[in-house]
Amino acid sequence: MNIEQFRNYCMNKKQVTEHFPFDNDTLVFKVCNKMFALASLKKWEEGNGFINLKCDPDYAQELRAEFDCIKEGYHMHKKQWNSVYINTDEISPKLLVDLIDHSYDLVVKGLPKKLRDTLN
């Protein structure tokens, strides 16, 4: 997955917006104003791209044990976020998409019911 495919995939989800809240480098995707994915454009351009994705803590531990390219979230809450390094070819495109979906769904699940209802 390249950066444009990543962006398009995230933007095609319901009520997703993109932002640069930290600096001009870190692209952040939010659903109902809550982050579910972010990536450094500079790191991506350098060939060291990774995506930070929210993850169920138990599942996060399983993924880190199984894949060398999945680490504790860089500059994020270490139990709830993973950094998925995408240039290693260690994980399949399908798994990457599933992890993006998992992050999005986890954030949506944590939204107040009133906001969740706007996504249906």
C-alpha atoms as a PDB file:
ATOM      1  CA  MET A   1       0.000   0.000   0.000  1.00  0.00           C
ATOM      2  CA  ASN A   2       1.390   3.398  -0.884  1.00  0.00           C
ATOM      3  CA  ILE A   3       0.547   6.654   0.869  1.00  0.00           C
ATOM      4  CA  GLU A   4      -2.129   7.606  -1.668  1.00  0.00           C
ATOM      5  CA  GLN A   5      -3.849   4.216  -1.344  1.00  0.00           C
ATOM      6  CA  PHE A   6      -3.698   4.545   2.444  1.00  0.00           C
ATOM      7  CA  ARG A   7      -5.196   8.034   2.284  1.00  0.00           C
ATOM      8  CA  ASN A   8      -7.952   6.997  -0.126  1.00  0.00           C
ATOM      9  CA  TYR A   9      -8.849   3.943   1.927  1.00  0.00           C
ATOM     10  CA  CYS A  10      -9.185   5.997   5.103  1.00  0.00           C
ATOM     11  CA  MET A  11     -11.058   8.844   3.424  1.00  0.00           C
ATOM     12  CA  ASN A  12     -13.653   6.443   1.982  1.00  0.00           C
ATOM     13  CA  LYS A  13     -14.819   5.518   5.465  1.00  0.00           C
ATOM     14  CA  LYS A  14     -17.891   7.253   6.881  1.00  0.00           C
ATOM     15  CA  GLN A  15     -17.332  10.696   8.440  1.00  0.00           C
ATOM     16  CA  VAL A  16     -13.547  10.583   8.160  1.00  0.00           C
ATOM     17  CA  THR A  17     -11.574  13.795   7.969  1.00  0.00           C
ATOM     18  CA  GLU A  18      -7.856  14.377   7.520  1.00  0.00           C
ATOM     19  CA  HIS A  19      -5.791  16.805   9.539  1.00  0.00           C
ATOM     20  CA  PHE A  20      -2.266  17.976  10.348  1.00  0.00           C
ATOM     21  CA  PRO A  21      -2.817  18.850  14.039  1.00  0.00           C
ATOM     22  CA  PHE A  22       0.777  18.344  15.217  1.00  0.00           C
ATOM     23  CA  ASP A  23       2.914  19.644  12.345  1.00  0.00           C
ATOM     24  CA  ASN A  24       3.069  19.702   8.535  1.00  0.00           C
ATOM     25  CA  ASP A  25       4.419  16.143   8.450  1.00  0.00           C
ATOM     26  CA  THR A  26       2.007  14.001  10.468  1.00  0.00           C
ATOM     27  CA  LEU A  27      -1.149  13.136   8.531  1.00  0.00           C
ATOM     28  CA  VAL A  28      -3.973  12.223  10.917  1.00  0.00           C
ATOM     29  CA  PHE A  29      -7.282  10.591  10.070  1.00  0.00           C
ATOM     30  CA  LYS A  30     -10.208  11.073  12.421  1.00  0.00           C
ATOM     31  CA  VAL A  31     -13.734   9.728  12.634  1.00  0.00           C
ATOM     32  CA  CYS A  32     -16.105  12.108  14.421  1.00  0.00           C
ATOM     33  CA  ASN A  33     -13.036  14.084  15.546  1.00  0.00           C
ATOM     34  CA  LYS A  34     -11.298  11.030  17.147  1.00  0.00           C
ATOM     35  CA  MET A  35      -7.991   9.750  15.760  1.00  0.00           C
ATOM     36  CA  PHE A  36      -7.840   6.255  14.329  1.00  0.00           C
ATOM     37  CA  ALA A  37      -4.803   6.425  12.001  1.00  0.00           C
ATOM     38  CA  LEU A  38      -1.761   8.614  11.491  1.00  0.00           C
ATOM     39  CA  ALA A  39       1.446   8.558   9.478  1.00  0.00           C
ATOM     40  CA  SER A  40       4.562  10.643   8.958  1.00  0.00           C
ATOM     41  CA  LEU A  41       4.756  11.757   5.327  1.00  0.00           C
ATOM     42  CA  LYS A  42       8.499  12.357   5.640  1.00  0.00           C
ATOM     43  CA  LYS A  43       9.154   8.830   6.941  1.00  0.00           C
ATOM     44  CA  TRP A  44       6.995   7.433   4.146  1.00  0.00           C
ATOM     45  CA  GLU A  45       8.972   9.375   1.500  1.00  0.00           C
ATOM     46  CA  GLU A  46      12.250   8.128   3.029  1.00  0.00           C
ATOM     47  CA  GLY A  47      11.083   4.521   2.616  1.00  0.00           C
ATOM     48  CA  ASN A  48      10.573   3.991   6.361  1.00  0.00           C
ATOM     49  CA  GLY A  49       6.824   4.464   6.343  1.00  0.00           C
ATOM     50  CA  PHE A  50       4.631   3.273   9.160  1.00  0.00           C
ATOM     51  CA  ILE A  51       1.043   3.777  10.178  1.00  0.00           C
ATOM     52  CA  ASN A  52      -0.027   4.242  13.778  1.00  0.00           C
ATOM     53  CA  LEU A  53      -3.296   2.415  14.383  1.00  0.00           C
ATOM     54  CA  LYS A  54      -5.417   2.002  17.470  1.00  0.00           C
ATOM     55  CA  CYS A  55      -5.728  -1.620  18.568  1.00  0.00           C
ATOM     56  CA  ASP A  56      -7.366  -3.730  21.232  1.00  0.00           C
ATOM     57  CA  PRO A  57      -4.607  -4.195  23.850  1.00  0.00           C
ATOM     58  CA  ASP A  58      -4.682  -8.017  23.812  1.00  0.00           C
ATOM     59  CA  TYR A  59      -4.739  -8.152  20.019  1.00  0.00           C
ATOM     60  CA  ALA A  60      -1.914  -5.579  19.914  1.00  0.00           C
ATOM     61  CA  GLN A  61       0.271  -7.913  21.989  1.00  0.00           C
ATOM     62  CA  GLU A  62      -0.542 -10.867  19.716  1.00  0.00           C
ATOM     63  CA  LEU A  63       0.344  -8.882  16.601  1.00  0.00           C
ATOM     64  CA  ARG A  64       3.640  -7.657  18.063  1.00  0.00           C
ATOM     65  CA  ALA A  65       4.589 -11.219  19.007  1.00  0.00           C
ATOM     66  CA  GLU A  66       3.773 -12.531  15.529  1.00  0.00           C
ATOM     67  CA  PHE A  67       5.142  -9.752  13.298  1.00  0.00           C
ATOM     68  CA  ASP A  68       8.488  -7.948  13.557  1.00  0.00           C
ATOM     69  CA  CYS A  69       7.032  -5.042  11.558  1.00  0.00           C
ATOM     70  CA  ILE A  70       4.400  -4.286  14.215  1.00  0.00           C
ATOM     71  CA  LYS A  71       5.758  -2.370  17.208  1.00  0.00           C
ATOM     72  CA  GLU A  72       4.420  -0.377  20.131  1.00  0.00           C
ATOM     73  CA  GLY A  73       2.864   2.850  18.888  1.00  0.00           C
ATOM     74  CA  TYR A  74       5.508   5.484  18.173  1.00  0.00           C
ATOM     75  CA  HIS A  75       4.706   8.537  20.364  1.00  0.00           C
ATOM     76  CA  MET A  76       1.366   6.948  21.283  1.00  0.00           C
ATOM     77  CA  HIS A  77      -0.172   5.059  24.216  1.00  0.00           C
ATOM     78  CA  LYS A  78       1.862   1.831  24.040  1.00  0.00           C
ATOM     79  CA  LYS A  79      -0.950  -0.525  25.066  1.00  0.00           C
ATOM     80  CA  GLN A  80      -3.592   0.832  22.696  1.00  0.00           C
ATOM     81  CA  TRP A  81      -1.625   1.815  19.592  1.00  0.00           C
ATOM     82  CA  ASN A  82       0.619  -0.082  17.181  1.00  0.00           C
ATOM     83  CA  SER A  83       3.068   1.229  14.610  1.00  0.00           C
ATOM     84  CA  VAL A  84       2.785  -0.922  11.498  1.00  0.00           C
ATOM     85  CA  TYR A  85       5.871  -0.633   9.274  1.00  0.00           C
ATOM     86  CA  ILE A  86       4.588  -1.099   5.762  1.00  0.00           C
ATOM     87  CA  ASN A  87       7.757  -1.431   3.675  1.00  0.00           C
ATOM     88  CA  THR A  88       8.809  -4.810   5.030  1.00  0.00           C
ATOM     89  CA  ASP A  89       6.359  -6.947   2.992  1.00  0.00           C
ATOM     90  CA  GLU A  90       5.916  -8.999   6.161  1.00  0.00           C
ATOM     91  CA  ILE A  91       2.171  -8.469   6.361  1.00  0.00           C
ATOM     92  CA  SER A  92      -0.299  -8.860   3.535  1.00  0.00           C
ATOM     93  CA  PRO A  93      -2.258  -5.955   2.070  1.00  0.00           C
ATOM     94  CA  LYS A  94      -5.416  -7.650   3.360  1.00  0.00           C
ATOM     95  CA  LEU A  95      -4.092  -7.733   6.938  1.00  0.00           C
ATOM     96  CA  LEU A  96      -3.106  -4.063   6.688  1.00  0.00           C
ATOM     97  CA  VAL A  97      -6.626  -3.169   5.554  1.00  0.00           C
ATOM     98  CA  ASP A  98      -8.060  -5.319   8.363  1.00  0.00           C
ATOM     99  CA  LEU A  99      -5.897  -3.443  10.898  1.00  0.00           C
ATOM    100  CA  ILE A 100      -7.077  -0.066   9.574  1.00  0.00           C
ATOM    101  CA  ASP A 101     -10.677  -1.310   9.802  1.00  0.00           C
ATOM    102  CA  HIS A 102     -10.060  -2.604  13.342  1.00  0.00           C
ATOM    103  CA  SER A 103      -8.723   0.793  14.406  1.00  0.00           C
ATOM    104  CA  TYR A 104     -11.651   2.646  12.840  1.00  0.00           C
ATOM    105  CA  ASP A 105     -14.187   0.233  14.377  1.00  0.00           C
ATOM    106  CA  LEU A 106     -12.553   0.475  17.807  1.00  0.00           C
ATOM    107  CA  VAL A 107     -12.784   4.266  17.760  1.00  0.00           C
ATOM    108  CA  VAL A 108     -16.379   4.177  16.509  1.00  0.00           C
ATOM    109  CA  LYS A 109     -17.282   1.704  19.266  1.00  0.00           C
ATOM    110  CA  GLY A 110     -15.981   4.180  21.849  1.00  0.00           C
ATOM    111  CA  LEU A 111     -18.036   7.088  20.536  1.00  0.00           C
ATOM    112  CA  PRO A 112     -21.197   8.224  22.316  1.00  0.00           C
ATOM    113  CA  LYS A 113     -24.301   6.504  20.914  1.00  0.00           C
ATOM    114  CA  LYS A 114     -25.554   9.749  19.395  1.00  0.00           C
ATOM    115  CA  LEU A 115     -22.390  10.059  17.275  1.00  0.00           C
ATOM    116  CA  ARG A 116     -22.330   6.327  16.421  1.00  0.00           C
ATOM    117  CA  ASP A 117     -25.867   6.649  15.105  1.00  0.00           C
ATOM    118  CA  THR A 118     -24.749   9.324  12.612  1.00  0.00           C
ATOM    119  CA  LEU A 119     -22.480   6.726  10.956  1.00  0.00           C
ATOM    120  CA  ASN A 120     -25.368   4.399  10.008  1.00  0.00           C
END
